[in-house]
Amino acid sequence: MNAFCALAEAAEQRWAEFDGGKVRYGGGTAVPLKPSQQAAADEFAEYYATPRGQHPRSHPLSLTSLGAIANFMPLAQIELTAPRSLLFIAGEKAHSRYYSEDAYAQAPEPRELHIVPGAGHVDLYDKVELIPWGKLTGFFDKHL
């Protein structure tokens, strides 16, 4: 399924829900994953699909959420954060590290980028021994 078809399906589902239909939940992706992307999907599944990251009130992503996700452009107006200080933290091995590096490159000063050695993306959710507490404390002490 391509991204256009996935968005069309999500739009149809919005109408179905508007008309009183049941919410549909789905997993996976709108398009087939490349081998380089599969590791990221596996990392998220290892966290969110296990007791490690589950919460009693959590539920799968609804099909209609695809539209909002497709329209989420987090860097579109990053310059509006000025003059607020920004600290970007990314794991050295995180599949998403480039997001932090791109955001850092586009962000106005003052800004910092901190790479956590050996950490993946979800490692920084709950592996407290990897969380750079000193960097966080120092940054907030300086900028708050």
N, C-alpha and C. Protein backbone atom coordinates (compact mmCIF):
# COMPACT_ATOMS: atom_id res chain seq x y z
N MET A 1 0.85 -1.18 0.00
CA MET A 1 0.00 0.00 0.00
C MET A 1 0.89 1.24 0.00
N ASN A 2 0.59 2.20 -0.86
CA ASN A 2 1.37 3.43 -0.86
C ASN A 2 0.75 4.45 0.10
N ALA A 3 1.49 5.53 0.32
CA ALA A 3 1.05 6.53 1.30
C ALA A 3 -0.28 7.16 0.90
N PHE A 4 -0.49 7.41 -0.40
CA PHE A 4 -1.75 8.00 -0.84
C PHE A 4 -2.92 7.09 -0.51
N CYS A 5 -2.78 5.80 -0.78
CA CYS A 5 -3.85 4.85 -0.48
C CYS A 5 -4.11 4.78 1.02
N ALA A 6 -3.05 4.82 1.81
CA ALA A 6 -3.21 4.77 3.27
C ALA A 6 -3.97 6.00 3.77
N LEU A 7 -3.67 7.16 3.22
CA LEU A 7 -4.38 8.38 3.62
C LEU A 7 -5.83 8.35 3.15
N ALA A 8 -6.08 7.81 1.97
CA ALA A 8 -7.45 7.68 1.48
C ALA A 8 -8.25 6.75 2.38
N GLU A 9 -7.63 5.66 2.81
CA GLU A 9 -8.30 4.73 3.72
C GLU A 9 -8.60 5.41 5.06
N ALA A 10 -7.65 6.21 5.55
CA ALA A 10 -7.87 6.94 6.80
C ALA A 10 -9.01 7.94 6.65
N ALA A 11 -9.10 8.62 5.51
CA ALA A 11 -10.18 9.57 5.27
C ALA A 11 -11.54 8.85 5.24
N GLU A 12 -11.59 7.71 4.59
CA GLU A 12 -12.83 6.93 4.57
C GLU A 12 -13.24 6.52 5.98
N GLN A 13 -12.24 6.16 6.79
CA GLN A 13 -12.52 5.75 8.16
C GLN A 13 -13.05 6.92 8.99
N ARG A 14 -12.55 8.13 8.74
CA ARG A 14 -13.06 9.31 9.45
C ARG A 14 -14.55 9.47 9.19
N TRP A 15 -14.97 9.30 7.92
CA TRP A 15 -16.39 9.39 7.61
C TRP A 15 -17.17 8.28 8.29
N ALA A 16 -16.62 7.08 8.29
CA ALA A 16 -17.31 5.96 8.94
C ALA A 16 -17.52 6.25 10.42
N GLU A 17 -16.51 6.79 11.08
CA GLU A 17 -16.64 7.12 12.50
C GLU A 17 -17.61 8.27 12.71
N PHE A 18 -17.60 9.25 11.82
CA PHE A 18 -18.55 10.37 11.90
C PHE A 18 -19.98 9.85 11.81
N ASP A 19 -20.17 8.84 10.98
CA ASP A 19 -21.49 8.25 10.82
C ASP A 19 -21.83 7.24 11.91
N GLY A 20 -21.01 7.15 12.94
CA GLY A 20 -21.30 6.26 14.07
C GLY A 20 -20.59 4.92 14.03
N GLY A 21 -19.74 4.73 13.05
CA GLY A 21 -19.01 3.47 12.95
C GLY A 21 -17.97 3.31 14.04
N LYS A 22 -17.49 2.10 14.17
CA LYS A 22 -16.49 1.79 15.19
C LYS A 22 -15.12 2.34 14.81
N VAL A 23 -14.36 2.70 15.82
CA VAL A 23 -12.97 3.12 15.61
C VAL A 23 -12.17 1.88 15.20
N ARG A 24 -11.35 2.05 14.18
CA ARG A 24 -10.46 0.97 13.75
C ARG A 24 -9.05 1.29 14.20
N TYR A 25 -8.42 0.31 14.76
CA TYR A 25 -7.04 0.46 15.18
C TYR A 25 -6.18 -0.36 14.25
N GLY A 26 -4.99 0.15 14.00
CA GLY A 26 -4.11 -0.57 13.10
C GLY A 26 -2.67 -0.41 13.53
N GLY A 27 -1.90 -1.31 13.11
CA GLY A 27 -0.47 -1.22 13.38
C GLY A 27 0.26 -1.16 12.07
N GLY A 28 1.52 -1.26 12.14
CA GLY A 28 2.30 -1.26 10.93
C GLY A 28 2.52 0.12 10.38
N THR A 29 2.79 0.17 9.10
CA THR A 29 3.14 1.42 8.45
C THR A 29 2.30 1.60 7.20
N ALA A 30 2.26 2.82 6.71
CA ALA A 30 1.48 3.13 5.50
C ALA A 30 2.15 2.60 4.25
N VAL A 31 3.42 2.42 4.28
CA VAL A 31 4.17 1.92 3.13
C VAL A 31 5.12 0.83 3.61
N PRO A 32 5.54 -0.05 2.70
CA PRO A 32 6.49 -1.10 3.11
C PRO A 32 7.79 -0.49 3.64
N LEU A 33 8.34 -1.13 4.64
CA LEU A 33 9.59 -0.65 5.23
C LEU A 33 10.79 -1.15 4.45
N LYS A 34 11.79 -0.28 4.34
CA LYS A 34 13.08 -0.68 3.80
C LYS A 34 13.80 -1.46 4.90
N PRO A 35 14.74 -2.31 4.55
CA PRO A 35 15.48 -3.05 5.58
C PRO A 35 16.10 -2.13 6.64
N SER A 36 16.57 -0.96 6.23
CA SER A 36 17.18 -0.03 7.20
C SER A 36 16.14 0.54 8.17
N GLN A 37 14.88 0.53 7.79
CA GLN A 37 13.82 1.05 8.65
C GLN A 37 13.26 -0.02 9.58
N GLN A 38 13.45 -1.28 9.24
CA GLN A 38 12.88 -2.36 10.03
C GLN A 38 13.47 -2.40 11.43
N ALA A 39 14.74 -2.07 11.58
CA ALA A 39 15.35 -2.07 12.91
C ALA A 39 14.66 -1.07 13.82
N ALA A 40 14.28 0.09 13.29
CA ALA A 40 13.56 1.09 14.09
C ALA A 40 12.19 0.55 14.50
N ALA A 41 11.48 -0.06 13.56
CA ALA A 41 10.17 -0.63 13.88
C ALA A 41 10.31 -1.71 14.95
N ASP A 42 11.33 -2.53 14.84
CA ASP A 42 11.57 -3.58 15.84
C ASP A 42 11.86 -2.98 17.22
N GLU A 43 12.64 -1.88 17.24
CA GLU A 43 12.98 -1.24 18.51
C GLU A 43 11.72 -0.69 19.18
N PHE A 44 10.86 -0.04 18.41
CA PHE A 44 9.62 0.47 18.98
C PHE A 44 8.73 -0.66 19.47
N ALA A 45 8.63 -1.75 18.69
CA ALA A 45 7.81 -2.89 19.10
C ALA A 45 8.34 -3.51 20.38
N GLU A 46 9.66 -3.59 20.50
CA GLU A 46 10.27 -4.17 21.71
C GLU A 46 9.91 -3.34 22.94
N TYR A 47 9.66 -2.07 22.76
CA TYR A 47 9.28 -1.22 23.88
C TYR A 47 7.76 -1.18 24.06
N TYR A 48 7.05 -0.74 23.03
CA TYR A 48 5.62 -0.47 23.17
C TYR A 48 4.75 -1.72 23.17
N ALA A 49 5.21 -2.82 22.60
CA ALA A 49 4.40 -4.03 22.53
C ALA A 49 4.76 -5.03 23.62
N THR A 50 5.46 -4.58 24.63
CA THR A 50 5.82 -5.44 25.76
C THR A 50 5.49 -4.72 27.06
N PRO A 51 5.49 -5.42 28.16
CA PRO A 51 5.22 -4.76 29.44
C PRO A 51 6.17 -3.60 29.75
N ARG A 52 7.33 -3.60 29.14
CA ARG A 52 8.30 -2.51 29.37
C ARG A 52 7.68 -1.14 29.07
N GLY A 53 6.90 -1.02 28.01
CA GLY A 53 6.37 0.28 27.62
C GLY A 53 4.86 0.38 27.60
N GLN A 54 4.18 -0.68 27.96
CA GLN A 54 2.72 -0.63 27.93
C GLN A 54 2.18 0.07 29.17
N HIS A 55 1.00 0.62 29.00
CA HIS A 55 0.29 1.25 30.11
C HIS A 55 -1.17 0.79 30.03
N PRO A 56 -1.82 0.60 31.17
CA PRO A 56 -3.20 0.11 31.14
C PRO A 56 -4.15 0.98 30.30
N ARG A 57 -3.88 2.27 30.19
CA ARG A 57 -4.78 3.13 29.42
C ARG A 57 -4.30 3.36 27.99
N SER A 58 -3.22 2.71 27.59
CA SER A 58 -2.74 2.90 26.23
C SER A 58 -3.55 2.02 25.27
N HIS A 59 -3.57 2.41 24.03
CA HIS A 59 -4.23 1.62 23.00
C HIS A 59 -3.47 1.81 21.70
N PRO A 60 -3.72 0.93 20.75
CA PRO A 60 -3.02 1.07 19.47
C PRO A 60 -3.39 2.37 18.77
N LEU A 61 -2.61 2.74 17.81
CA LEU A 61 -2.86 3.92 17.00
C LEU A 61 -4.13 3.70 16.18
N SER A 62 -5.02 4.69 16.17
CA SER A 62 -6.23 4.56 15.36
C SER A 62 -5.87 4.84 13.89
N LEU A 63 -6.63 4.24 13.02
CA LEU A 63 -6.39 4.41 11.59
C LEU A 63 -6.52 5.88 11.20
N THR A 64 -7.43 6.60 11.83
CA THR A 64 -7.63 8.01 11.46
C THR A 64 -6.47 8.89 11.91
N SER A 65 -5.59 8.40 12.76
CA SER A 65 -4.43 9.18 13.19
C SER A 65 -3.42 9.40 12.07
N LEU A 66 -3.50 8.59 11.02
CA LEU A 66 -2.54 8.71 9.92
C LEU A 66 -2.52 10.11 9.31
N GLY A 67 -3.70 10.74 9.19
CA GLY A 67 -3.76 12.08 8.63
C GLY A 67 -2.98 13.08 9.46
N ALA A 68 -3.16 13.02 10.77
CA ALA A 68 -2.43 13.94 11.65
C ALA A 68 -0.93 13.68 11.61
N ILE A 69 -0.56 12.43 11.57
CA ILE A 69 0.87 12.09 11.53
C ILE A 69 1.49 12.56 10.22
N ALA A 70 0.77 12.38 9.13
CA ALA A 70 1.29 12.79 7.82
C ALA A 70 1.46 14.30 7.72
N ASN A 71 0.67 15.04 8.48
CA ASN A 71 0.73 16.50 8.43
C ASN A 71 1.60 17.11 9.53
N PHE A 72 2.24 16.29 10.33
CA PHE A 72 3.08 16.79 11.42
C PHE A 72 4.43 17.19 10.86
N MET A 73 4.73 18.46 10.91
CA MET A 73 5.99 19.00 10.39
C MET A 73 6.72 19.72 11.54
N PRO A 74 7.42 18.99 12.37
CA PRO A 74 7.97 19.58 13.59
C PRO A 74 9.03 20.66 13.36
N LEU A 75 9.67 20.67 12.21
CA LEU A 75 10.72 21.67 11.98
C LEU A 75 10.25 22.85 11.15
N ALA A 76 8.98 22.86 10.75
CA ALA A 76 8.49 23.89 9.84
C ALA A 76 8.64 25.30 10.40
N GLN A 77 8.53 25.45 11.70
CA GLN A 77 8.61 26.79 12.29
C GLN A 77 9.54 26.80 13.50
N ILE A 78 10.60 26.03 13.43
CA ILE A 78 11.50 25.92 14.58
C ILE A 78 12.12 27.26 14.96
N GLU A 79 12.24 28.16 13.99
CA GLU A 79 12.83 29.47 14.29
C GLU A 79 11.99 30.26 15.29
N LEU A 80 10.71 29.90 15.44
CA LEU A 80 9.84 30.60 16.38
C LEU A 80 10.17 30.28 17.84
N THR A 81 11.03 29.29 18.06
CA THR A 81 11.42 28.98 19.44
C THR A 81 12.36 30.03 20.01
N ALA A 82 13.01 30.81 19.15
CA ALA A 82 13.94 31.84 19.61
C ALA A 82 13.21 32.85 20.49
N PRO A 83 13.82 33.31 21.52
CA PRO A 83 15.19 33.08 21.98
C PRO A 83 15.28 32.00 23.05
N ARG A 84 14.37 31.06 23.07
CA ARG A 84 14.39 30.00 24.09
C ARG A 84 15.54 29.03 23.84
N SER A 85 16.16 28.60 24.91
CA SER A 85 17.27 27.65 24.82
C SER A 85 16.73 26.26 24.51
N LEU A 86 17.43 25.56 23.64
CA LEU A 86 17.02 24.21 23.25
C LEU A 86 18.15 23.23 23.51
N LEU A 87 17.79 22.10 24.10
CA LEU A 87 18.73 21.01 24.30
C LEU A 87 18.19 19.80 23.57
N PHE A 88 18.95 19.31 22.59
CA PHE A 88 18.60 18.12 21.84
C PHE A 88 19.45 16.98 22.39
N ILE A 89 18.80 15.88 22.74
CA ILE A 89 19.50 14.71 23.25
C ILE A 89 19.13 13.53 22.36
N ALA A 90 20.13 12.82 21.89
CA ALA A 90 19.90 11.66 21.02
C ALA A 90 20.87 10.56 21.39
N GLY A 91 20.43 9.33 21.18
CA GLY A 91 21.31 8.20 21.37
C GLY A 91 22.26 8.06 20.20
N GLU A 92 23.48 7.69 20.49
CA GLU A 92 24.49 7.49 19.44
C GLU A 92 24.01 6.50 18.38
N LYS A 93 23.31 5.45 18.82
CA LYS A 93 22.87 4.39 17.91
C LYS A 93 21.41 4.55 17.51
N ALA A 94 20.78 5.66 17.86
CA ALA A 94 19.36 5.86 17.59
C ALA A 94 19.11 6.02 16.10
N HIS A 95 18.13 5.30 15.59
CA HIS A 95 17.72 5.46 14.19
C HIS A 95 17.25 6.89 13.95
N SER A 96 16.79 7.55 14.99
CA SER A 96 16.25 8.91 14.89
C SER A 96 17.29 9.99 15.14
N ARG A 97 18.52 9.60 15.31
CA ARG A 97 19.56 10.58 15.63
C ARG A 97 19.61 11.72 14.61
N TYR A 98 19.40 11.39 13.36
CA TYR A 98 19.46 12.43 12.34
C TYR A 98 18.38 13.48 12.54
N TYR A 99 17.22 13.12 13.13
CA TYR A 99 16.19 14.13 13.41
C TYR A 99 16.75 15.19 14.36
N SER A 100 17.40 14.73 15.41
CA SER A 100 17.97 15.67 16.38
C SER A 100 19.06 16.52 15.73
N GLU A 101 19.89 15.90 14.91
CA GLU A 101 20.95 16.64 14.24
C GLU A 101 20.38 17.66 13.26
N ASP A 102 19.32 17.28 12.53
CA ASP A 102 18.68 18.22 11.60
C ASP A 102 18.03 19.37 12.36
N ALA A 103 17.33 19.04 13.45
CA ALA A 103 16.67 20.08 14.26
C ALA A 103 17.71 21.02 14.84
N TYR A 104 18.79 20.47 15.35
CA TYR A 104 19.86 21.29 15.91
C TYR A 104 20.42 22.25 14.85
N ALA A 105 20.64 21.72 13.66
CA ALA A 105 21.20 22.55 12.58
C ALA A 105 20.27 23.71 12.20
N GLN A 106 18.97 23.49 12.33
CA GLN A 106 18.00 24.50 11.93
C GLN A 106 17.56 25.41 13.08
N ALA A 107 17.83 25.00 14.29
CA ALA A 107 17.36 25.75 15.46
C ALA A 107 18.16 27.03 15.67
N PRO A 108 17.49 28.05 16.17
CA PRO A 108 18.21 29.28 16.49
C PRO A 108 19.02 29.10 17.78
N GLU A 109 19.99 29.96 17.96
CA GLU A 109 20.75 29.98 19.22
C GLU A 109 19.86 30.56 20.31
N PRO A 110 20.08 30.20 21.53
CA PRO A 110 21.06 29.25 22.05
C PRO A 110 20.54 27.81 21.93
N ARG A 111 21.45 26.92 21.59
CA ARG A 111 21.08 25.52 21.41
C ARG A 111 22.27 24.63 21.74
N GLU A 112 21.96 23.41 22.13
CA GLU A 112 23.00 22.40 22.39
C GLU A 112 22.53 21.07 21.83
N LEU A 113 23.48 20.24 21.42
CA LEU A 113 23.21 18.88 20.98
C LEU A 113 24.08 17.96 21.83
N HIS A 114 23.44 16.98 22.46
CA HIS A 114 24.18 16.03 23.28
C HIS A 114 23.88 14.62 22.77
N ILE A 115 24.91 13.89 22.41
CA ILE A 115 24.78 12.51 21.93
C ILE A 115 25.18 11.57 23.06
N VAL A 116 24.30 10.64 23.39
CA VAL A 116 24.54 9.69 24.48
C VAL A 116 25.23 8.45 23.90
N PRO A 117 26.47 8.21 24.30
CA PRO A 117 27.22 7.07 23.77
C PRO A 117 26.50 5.74 24.01
N GLY A 118 26.43 4.92 22.97
CA GLY A 118 25.89 3.58 23.08
C GLY A 118 24.38 3.46 23.16
N ALA A 119 23.65 4.56 23.22
CA ALA A 119 22.20 4.51 23.41
C ALA A 119 21.45 4.48 22.08
N GLY A 120 20.34 3.74 22.09
CA GLY A 120 19.38 3.76 20.99
C GLY A 120 18.29 4.76 21.31
N HIS A 121 17.24 4.76 20.51
CA HIS A 121 16.16 5.72 20.69
C HIS A 121 15.38 5.46 21.98
N VAL A 122 14.79 4.29 22.11
CA VAL A 122 13.95 4.02 23.28
C VAL A 122 14.76 3.77 24.55
N ASP A 123 16.05 3.55 24.42
CA ASP A 123 16.89 3.40 25.61
C ASP A 123 16.76 4.60 26.53
N LEU A 124 16.57 5.77 25.94
CA LEU A 124 16.50 7.00 26.73
C LEU A 124 15.13 7.24 27.33
N TYR A 125 14.19 6.32 27.10
CA TYR A 125 12.88 6.40 27.74
C TYR A 125 12.95 5.92 29.19
N ASP A 126 13.66 4.80 29.39
CA ASP A 126 13.55 4.17 30.71
C ASP A 126 14.84 3.54 31.23
N LYS A 127 15.89 3.56 30.50
CA LYS A 127 17.16 3.02 30.99
C LYS A 127 17.90 4.16 31.69
N VAL A 128 17.54 4.34 32.96
CA VAL A 128 17.98 5.52 33.70
C VAL A 128 19.49 5.65 33.80
N GLU A 129 20.20 4.55 33.68
CA GLU A 129 21.66 4.63 33.73
C GLU A 129 22.25 5.29 32.49
N LEU A 130 21.47 5.37 31.41
CA LEU A 130 21.94 6.01 30.18
C LEU A 130 21.50 7.47 30.07
N ILE A 131 20.50 7.85 30.84
CA ILE A 131 19.98 9.22 30.76
C ILE A 131 21.04 10.18 31.30
N PRO A 132 21.38 11.22 30.53
CA PRO A 132 22.44 12.14 30.94
C PRO A 132 21.95 13.18 31.97
N TRP A 133 21.74 12.71 33.19
CA TRP A 133 21.17 13.56 34.24
C TRP A 133 22.00 14.82 34.47
N GLY A 134 23.30 14.69 34.45
CA GLY A 134 24.17 15.85 34.68
C GLY A 134 23.99 16.90 33.59
N LYS A 135 23.87 16.45 32.34
CA LYS A 135 23.66 17.38 31.22
C LYS A 135 22.31 18.09 31.39
N LEU A 136 21.28 17.34 31.75
CA LEU A 136 19.95 17.93 31.95
C LEU A 136 19.96 18.95 33.08
N THR A 137 20.52 18.56 34.21
CA THR A 137 20.57 19.46 35.37
C THR A 137 21.35 20.72 35.05
N GLY A 138 22.52 20.55 34.43
CA GLY A 138 23.33 21.71 34.08
C GLY A 138 22.62 22.65 33.11
N PHE A 139 21.95 22.07 32.13
CA PHE A 139 21.24 22.88 31.14
C PHE A 139 20.10 23.67 31.80
N PHE A 140 19.32 22.98 32.61
CA PHE A 140 18.19 23.66 33.25
C PHE A 140 18.64 24.66 34.29
N ASP A 141 19.70 24.33 35.03
CA ASP A 141 20.23 25.31 35.99
C ASP A 141 20.68 26.59 35.28
N LYS A 142 21.24 26.43 34.10
CA LYS A 142 21.75 27.59 33.37
C LYS A 142 20.63 28.39 32.68
N HIS A 143 19.63 27.70 32.17
CA HIS A 143 18.67 28.36 31.29
C HIS A 143 17.28 28.60 31.89
N LEU A 144 17.01 28.07 33.06
CA LEU A 144 15.69 28.32 33.67
C LEU A 144 15.77 29.35 34.76
